[in-house]
């Protein structure tokens, strides 16, 4: 009569593997919301950088052309317009049809002209030929959250007032 000898095999049981998978999925479900917030904030910062580059184009154009350049708030976004006449001739209107910083339906950009004397100033931001710009605050709101920037008259970089991802 032969005797069978049972030897233990090395490895994991189905219960141990299942428990590990459940714990891993639980940890992943806790991490996903924070990853979404991280990606939303990254998209917000990319949009902010795109607007900063657009502002940089306006400032560079004002210096190189030696004419006033304006960013004009419109229905579908912000348009870069350039005055055709020298700054001394203020009777000349700005040219239409410049580059557009487009906004989708669920995005908005608000211009706060902090140095304006009028109670309801025009929704235009001026860049003068000397490289100086009007100090303003720009507030963005979109599907991923909002940000606010403060642009000084002489400072090349804006102050980031807030970035809030949804």
C-alpha atoms as a PDB file:
ATOM      1  CA  UNK A   1       0.000   0.000   0.000  1.00  0.00           C
ATOM      2  CA  UNK A   2       1.357   3.296  -1.069  1.00  0.00           C
ATOM      3  CA  UNK A   3       1.151   6.312   1.160  1.00  0.00           C
ATOM      4  CA  UNK A   4       0.460   9.676  -0.284  1.00  0.00           C
ATOM      5  CA  UNK A   5       2.360  12.525   1.195  1.00  0.00           C
ATOM      6  CA  UNK A   6       0.834  15.972   0.788  1.00  0.00           C
ATOM      7  CA  UNK A   7       3.351  18.719   0.467  1.00  0.00           C
ATOM      8  CA  UNK A   8       2.516  22.372   0.728  1.00  0.00           C
ATOM      9  CA  UNK A   9       2.983  24.323  -2.428  1.00  0.00           C
ATOM     10  CA  UNK A  10       4.307  27.831  -2.325  1.00  0.00           C
ATOM     11  CA  UNK A  11       1.944  30.551  -3.651  1.00  0.00           C
ATOM     12  CA  UNK A  12      -1.078  32.615  -2.800  1.00  0.00           C
ATOM     13  CA  UNK A  13      -4.589  31.442  -2.223  1.00  0.00           C
ATOM     14  CA  UNK A  14      -7.530  32.835  -4.134  1.00  0.00           C
ATOM     15  CA  UNK A  15      -8.700  34.598  -0.981  1.00  0.00           C
ATOM     16  CA  UNK A  16      -5.363  36.415  -0.559  1.00  0.00           C
ATOM     17  CA  UNK A  17      -5.315  37.501  -4.202  1.00  0.00           C
ATOM     18  CA  UNK A  18      -8.932  38.721  -4.027  1.00  0.00           C
ATOM     19  CA  UNK A  19      -8.254  40.674  -0.848  1.00  0.00           C
ATOM     20  CA  UNK A  20      -5.224  42.356  -2.430  1.00  0.00           C
ATOM     21  CA  UNK A  21      -7.225  43.331  -5.512  1.00  0.00           C
ATOM     22  CA  UNK A  22     -10.044  44.786  -3.381  1.00  0.00           C
ATOM     23  CA  UNK A  23      -7.605  46.847  -1.284  1.00  0.00           C
ATOM     24  CA  UNK A  24      -5.877  48.093  -4.450  1.00  0.00           C
ATOM     25  CA  UNK A  25      -9.199  49.127  -6.027  1.00  0.00           C
ATOM     26  CA  UNK A  26     -10.212  50.895  -2.819  1.00  0.00           C
ATOM     27  CA  UNK A  27      -6.977  52.890  -2.788  1.00  0.00           C
ATOM     28  CA  UNK A  28      -7.401  53.726  -6.482  1.00  0.00           C
ATOM     29  CA  UNK A  29     -10.958  54.958  -5.933  1.00  0.00           C
ATOM     30  CA  UNK A  30      -9.661  57.296  -3.230  1.00  0.00           C
ATOM     31  CA  UNK A  31      -6.913  58.649  -5.512  1.00  0.00           C
ATOM     32  CA  UNK A  32      -9.031  59.314  -8.623  1.00  0.00           C
ATOM     33  CA  UNK A  33     -10.768  62.491  -7.358  1.00  0.00           C
ATOM     34  CA  UNK A  34      -7.467  64.105  -6.421  1.00  0.00           C
ATOM     35  CA  UNK A  35      -6.021  63.157  -9.834  1.00  0.00           C
ATOM     36  CA  UNK A  36      -9.012  64.775 -11.556  1.00  0.00           C
ATOM     37  CA  UNK A  37      -8.408  67.947  -9.569  1.00  0.00           C
ATOM     38  CA  UNK A  38      -4.741  67.876 -10.517  1.00  0.00           C
ATOM     39  CA  UNK A  39      -5.554  67.527 -14.227  1.00  0.00           C
ATOM     40  CA  UNK A  40      -8.223  70.263 -14.017  1.00  0.00           C
ATOM     41  CA  UNK A  41      -5.732  72.640 -12.400  1.00  0.00           C
ATOM     42  CA  UNK A  42      -3.173  71.793 -15.086  1.00  0.00           C
ATOM     43  CA  UNK A  43      -5.708  72.663 -17.831  1.00  0.00           C
ATOM     44  CA  UNK A  44      -6.495  75.934 -16.032  1.00  0.00           C
ATOM     45  CA  UNK A  45      -2.826  76.862 -15.850  1.00  0.00           C
ATOM     46  CA  UNK A  46      -2.383  76.044 -19.555  1.00  0.00           C
ATOM     47  CA  UNK A  47      -5.276  78.378 -20.414  1.00  0.00           C
ATOM     48  CA  UNK A  48      -3.741  81.053 -18.192  1.00  0.00           C
ATOM     49  CA  UNK A  49      -0.387  80.701 -19.978  1.00  0.00           C
ATOM     50  CA  UNK A  50      -2.121  80.990 -23.361  1.00  0.00           C
ATOM     51  CA  UNK A  51      -3.709  84.270 -22.264  1.00  0.00           C
ATOM     52  CA  UNK A  52      -0.374  85.561 -20.923  1.00  0.00           C
ATOM     53  CA  UNK A  53       1.216  84.822 -24.329  1.00  0.00           C
ATOM     54  CA  UNK A  54      -1.627  86.702 -26.035  1.00  0.00           C
ATOM     55  CA  UNK A  55      -1.003  89.700 -23.766  1.00  0.00           C
ATOM     56  CA  UNK A  56       2.719  89.443 -24.562  1.00  0.00           C
ATOM     57  CA  UNK A  57       1.925  89.628 -28.300  1.00  0.00           C
ATOM     58  CA  UNK A  58      -0.085  92.805 -27.744  1.00  0.00           C
ATOM     59  CA  UNK A  59       2.732  94.433 -25.765  1.00  0.00           C
ATOM     60  CA  UNK A  60       5.372  93.434 -28.322  1.00  0.00           C
ATOM     61  CA  UNK A  61       3.234  94.710 -31.197  1.00  0.00           C
ATOM     62  CA  UNK A  62       2.742  98.069 -29.453  1.00  0.00           C
ATOM     63  CA  UNK A  63       6.495  98.485 -28.964  1.00  0.00           C
ATOM     64  CA  UNK A  64       7.490  97.334 -32.447  1.00  0.00           C
ATOM     65  CA  UNK A  65       4.821  99.287 -34.358  1.00  0.00           C
ATOM     66  CA  UNK A  66       5.154 102.383 -32.154  1.00  0.00           C
ATOM     67  CA  UNK A  67       1.336 102.601 -32.081  1.00  0.00           C
ATOM     68  CA  UNK A  68      -1.260 101.939 -29.456  1.00  0.00           C
ATOM     69  CA  UNK A  69      -2.605  98.398 -29.350  1.00  0.00           C
ATOM     70  CA  UNK A  70      -5.777  97.377 -27.562  1.00  0.00           C
ATOM     71  CA  UNK A  71      -7.317  94.149 -26.406  1.00  0.00           C
ATOM     72  CA  UNK A  72     -11.063  94.498 -27.000  1.00  0.00           C
ATOM     73  CA  UNK A  73     -13.545  92.234 -25.226  1.00  0.00           C
ATOM     74  CA  UNK A  74     -16.133  90.831 -27.661  1.00  0.00           C
ATOM     75  CA  UNK A  75     -18.865  88.226 -27.686  1.00  0.00           C
ATOM     76  CA  UNK A  76     -16.631  85.291 -28.702  1.00  0.00           C
ATOM     77  CA  UNK A  77     -13.422  86.299 -26.973  1.00  0.00           C
ATOM     78  CA  UNK A  78     -10.788  89.016 -26.840  1.00  0.00           C
ATOM     79  CA  UNK A  79      -9.573  90.674 -30.044  1.00  0.00           C
ATOM     80  CA  UNK A  80      -6.193  92.324 -30.570  1.00  0.00           C
ATOM     81  CA  UNK A  81      -6.669  95.603 -32.468  1.00  0.00           C
ATOM     82  CA  UNK A  82      -4.067  98.155 -33.512  1.00  0.00           C
ATOM     83  CA  UNK A  83      -4.467 101.906 -34.039  1.00  0.00           C
ATOM     84  CA  UNK A  84      -3.415 102.876 -37.552  1.00  0.00           C
ATOM     85  CA  UNK A  85      -2.400 106.435 -36.749  1.00  0.00           C
ATOM     86  CA  UNK A  86       0.332 107.477 -34.346  1.00  0.00           C
ATOM     87  CA  UNK A  87      -0.655 107.779 -30.703  1.00  0.00           C
ATOM     88  CA  UNK A  88      -0.794 111.583 -31.014  1.00  0.00           C
ATOM     89  CA  UNK A  89      -3.819 111.391 -33.336  1.00  0.00           C
ATOM     90  CA  UNK A  90      -6.533 110.037 -31.049  1.00  0.00           C
ATOM     91  CA  UNK A  91      -9.289 110.709 -33.598  1.00  0.00           C
ATOM     92  CA  UNK A  92      -8.241 107.670 -35.630  1.00  0.00           C
ATOM     93  CA  UNK A  93     -10.195 104.517 -34.717  1.00  0.00           C
ATOM     94  CA  UNK A  94      -8.510 101.203 -34.102  1.00  0.00           C
ATOM     95  CA  UNK A  95      -8.390  98.719 -36.959  1.00  0.00           C
ATOM     96  CA  UNK A  96     -10.691  95.752 -36.791  1.00  0.00           C
ATOM     97  CA  UNK A  97     -10.009  92.121 -37.531  1.00  0.00           C
ATOM     98  CA  UNK A  98      -6.916  91.426 -35.452  1.00  0.00           C
ATOM     99  CA  UNK A  99      -6.036  88.146 -33.794  1.00  0.00           C
ATOM    100  CA  UNK A 100      -8.718  86.661 -31.522  1.00  0.00           C
ATOM    101  CA  UNK A 101      -8.253  84.889 -28.199  1.00  0.00           C
ATOM    102  CA  UNK A 102     -11.331  82.697 -28.605  1.00  0.00           C
ATOM    103  CA  UNK A 103     -13.552  81.586 -25.749  1.00  0.00           C
ATOM    104  CA  UNK A 104     -16.002  78.701 -25.812  1.00  0.00           C
ATOM    105  CA  UNK A 105     -19.626  79.071 -24.691  1.00  0.00           C
ATOM    106  CA  UNK A 106     -18.862  77.960 -21.148  1.00  0.00           C
ATOM    107  CA  UNK A 107     -15.811  80.233 -20.715  1.00  0.00           C
ATOM    108  CA  UNK A 108     -15.721  83.887 -19.717  1.00  0.00           C
ATOM    109  CA  UNK A 109     -13.028  86.520 -19.262  1.00  0.00           C
ATOM    110  CA  UNK A 110     -13.831  89.616 -17.238  1.00  0.00           C
ATOM    111  CA  UNK A 111     -11.746  92.769 -17.429  1.00  0.00           C
ATOM    112  CA  UNK A 112     -11.448  94.940 -14.314  1.00  0.00           C
ATOM    113  CA  UNK A 113      -9.844  98.269 -15.169  1.00  0.00           C
ATOM    114  CA  UNK A 114      -8.545  99.273 -11.762  1.00  0.00           C
ATOM    115  CA  UNK A 115      -7.242 102.701 -12.889  1.00  0.00           C
ATOM    116  CA  UNK A 116     -10.255 103.731 -14.980  1.00  0.00           C
ATOM    117  CA  UNK A 117     -11.966 106.976 -14.000  1.00  0.00           C
ATOM    118  CA  UNK A 118     -15.340 106.115 -15.535  1.00  0.00           C
ATOM    119  CA  UNK A 119     -17.829 104.110 -13.513  1.00  0.00           C
ATOM    120  CA  UNK A 120     -18.541 101.938 -16.596  1.00  0.00           C
ATOM    121  CA  UNK A 121     -15.326 101.943 -18.661  1.00  0.00           C
ATOM    122  CA  UNK A 122     -15.029 100.450 -22.132  1.00  0.00           C
ATOM    123  CA  UNK A 123     -14.106  96.791 -22.223  1.00  0.00           C
ATOM    124  CA  UNK A 124     -10.730  97.544 -23.805  1.00  0.00           C
ATOM    125  CA  UNK A 125      -7.223  97.229 -22.448  1.00  0.00           C
ATOM    126  CA  UNK A 126      -4.612  99.632 -23.820  1.00  0.00           C
ATOM    127  CA  UNK A 127      -0.934  98.963 -24.543  1.00  0.00           C
ATOM    128  CA  UNK A 128       1.054 102.071 -25.385  1.00  0.00           C
ATOM    129  CA  UNK A 129       4.009 102.318 -27.734  1.00  0.00           C
ATOM    130  CA  UNK A 130       6.472 102.932 -24.898  1.00  0.00           C
ATOM    131  CA  UNK A 131       5.868  99.421 -23.578  1.00  0.00           C
ATOM    132  CA  UNK A 132       3.534 100.543 -20.809  1.00  0.00           C
ATOM    133  CA  UNK A 133       0.097  99.034 -20.367  1.00  0.00           C
ATOM    134  CA  UNK A 134      -2.919 100.008 -18.373  1.00  0.00           C
ATOM    135  CA  UNK A 135      -3.012  98.155 -15.015  1.00  0.00           C
ATOM    136  CA  UNK A 136      -5.904  95.685 -14.951  1.00  0.00           C
ATOM    137  CA  UNK A 137      -7.175  92.492 -13.384  1.00  0.00           C
ATOM    138  CA  UNK A 138      -8.411  89.670 -15.606  1.00  0.00           C
ATOM    139  CA  UNK A 139     -10.807  87.084 -14.196  1.00  0.00           C
ATOM    140  CA  UNK A 140     -11.345  83.781 -16.021  1.00  0.00           C
ATOM    141  CA  UNK A 141     -14.121  81.277 -15.429  1.00  0.00           C
ATOM    142  CA  UNK A 142     -14.475  78.014 -17.312  1.00  0.00           C
ATOM    143  CA  UNK A 143     -15.680  74.435 -16.971  1.00  0.00           C
ATOM    144  CA  UNK A 144     -12.552  73.403 -15.059  1.00  0.00           C
ATOM    145  CA  UNK A 145     -12.516  76.288 -12.592  1.00  0.00           C
ATOM    146  CA  UNK A 146     -11.337  79.884 -12.448  1.00  0.00           C
ATOM    147  CA  UNK A 147      -8.239  82.052 -12.182  1.00  0.00           C
ATOM    148  CA  UNK A 148      -7.461  85.696 -11.616  1.00  0.00           C
ATOM    149  CA  UNK A 149      -4.416  87.678 -12.771  1.00  0.00           C
ATOM    150  CA  UNK A 150      -3.288  91.211 -11.960  1.00  0.00           C
ATOM    151  CA  UNK A 151      -1.255  92.943 -14.659  1.00  0.00           C
ATOM    152  CA  UNK A 152       0.760  95.960 -13.573  1.00  0.00           C
ATOM    153  CA  UNK A 153       1.684  98.869 -15.802  1.00  0.00           C
ATOM    154  CA  UNK A 154       5.410  98.108 -16.018  1.00  0.00           C
ATOM    155  CA  UNK A 155       5.842  94.585 -14.650  1.00  0.00           C
ATOM    156  CA  UNK A 156       6.490  91.985 -17.356  1.00  0.00           C
ATOM    157  CA  UNK A 157       4.854  89.124 -15.470  1.00  0.00           C
ATOM    158  CA  UNK A 158       1.370  89.238 -13.940  1.00  0.00           C
ATOM    159  CA  UNK A 159       0.582  88.462 -10.320  1.00  0.00           C
ATOM    160  CA  UNK A 160      -1.464  85.292  -9.955  1.00  0.00           C
ATOM    161  CA  UNK A 161      -4.254  86.199  -7.563  1.00  0.00           C
ATOM    162  CA  UNK A 162      -5.975  82.795  -7.528  1.00  0.00           C
ATOM    163  CA  UNK A 163      -6.331  79.462  -9.297  1.00  0.00           C
ATOM    164  CA  UNK A 164      -9.314  77.342  -8.274  1.00  0.00           C
ATOM    165  CA  UNK A 165     -10.067  74.039  -9.958  1.00  0.00           C
ATOM    166  CA  UNK A 166     -13.591  72.637  -9.733  1.00  0.00           C
END
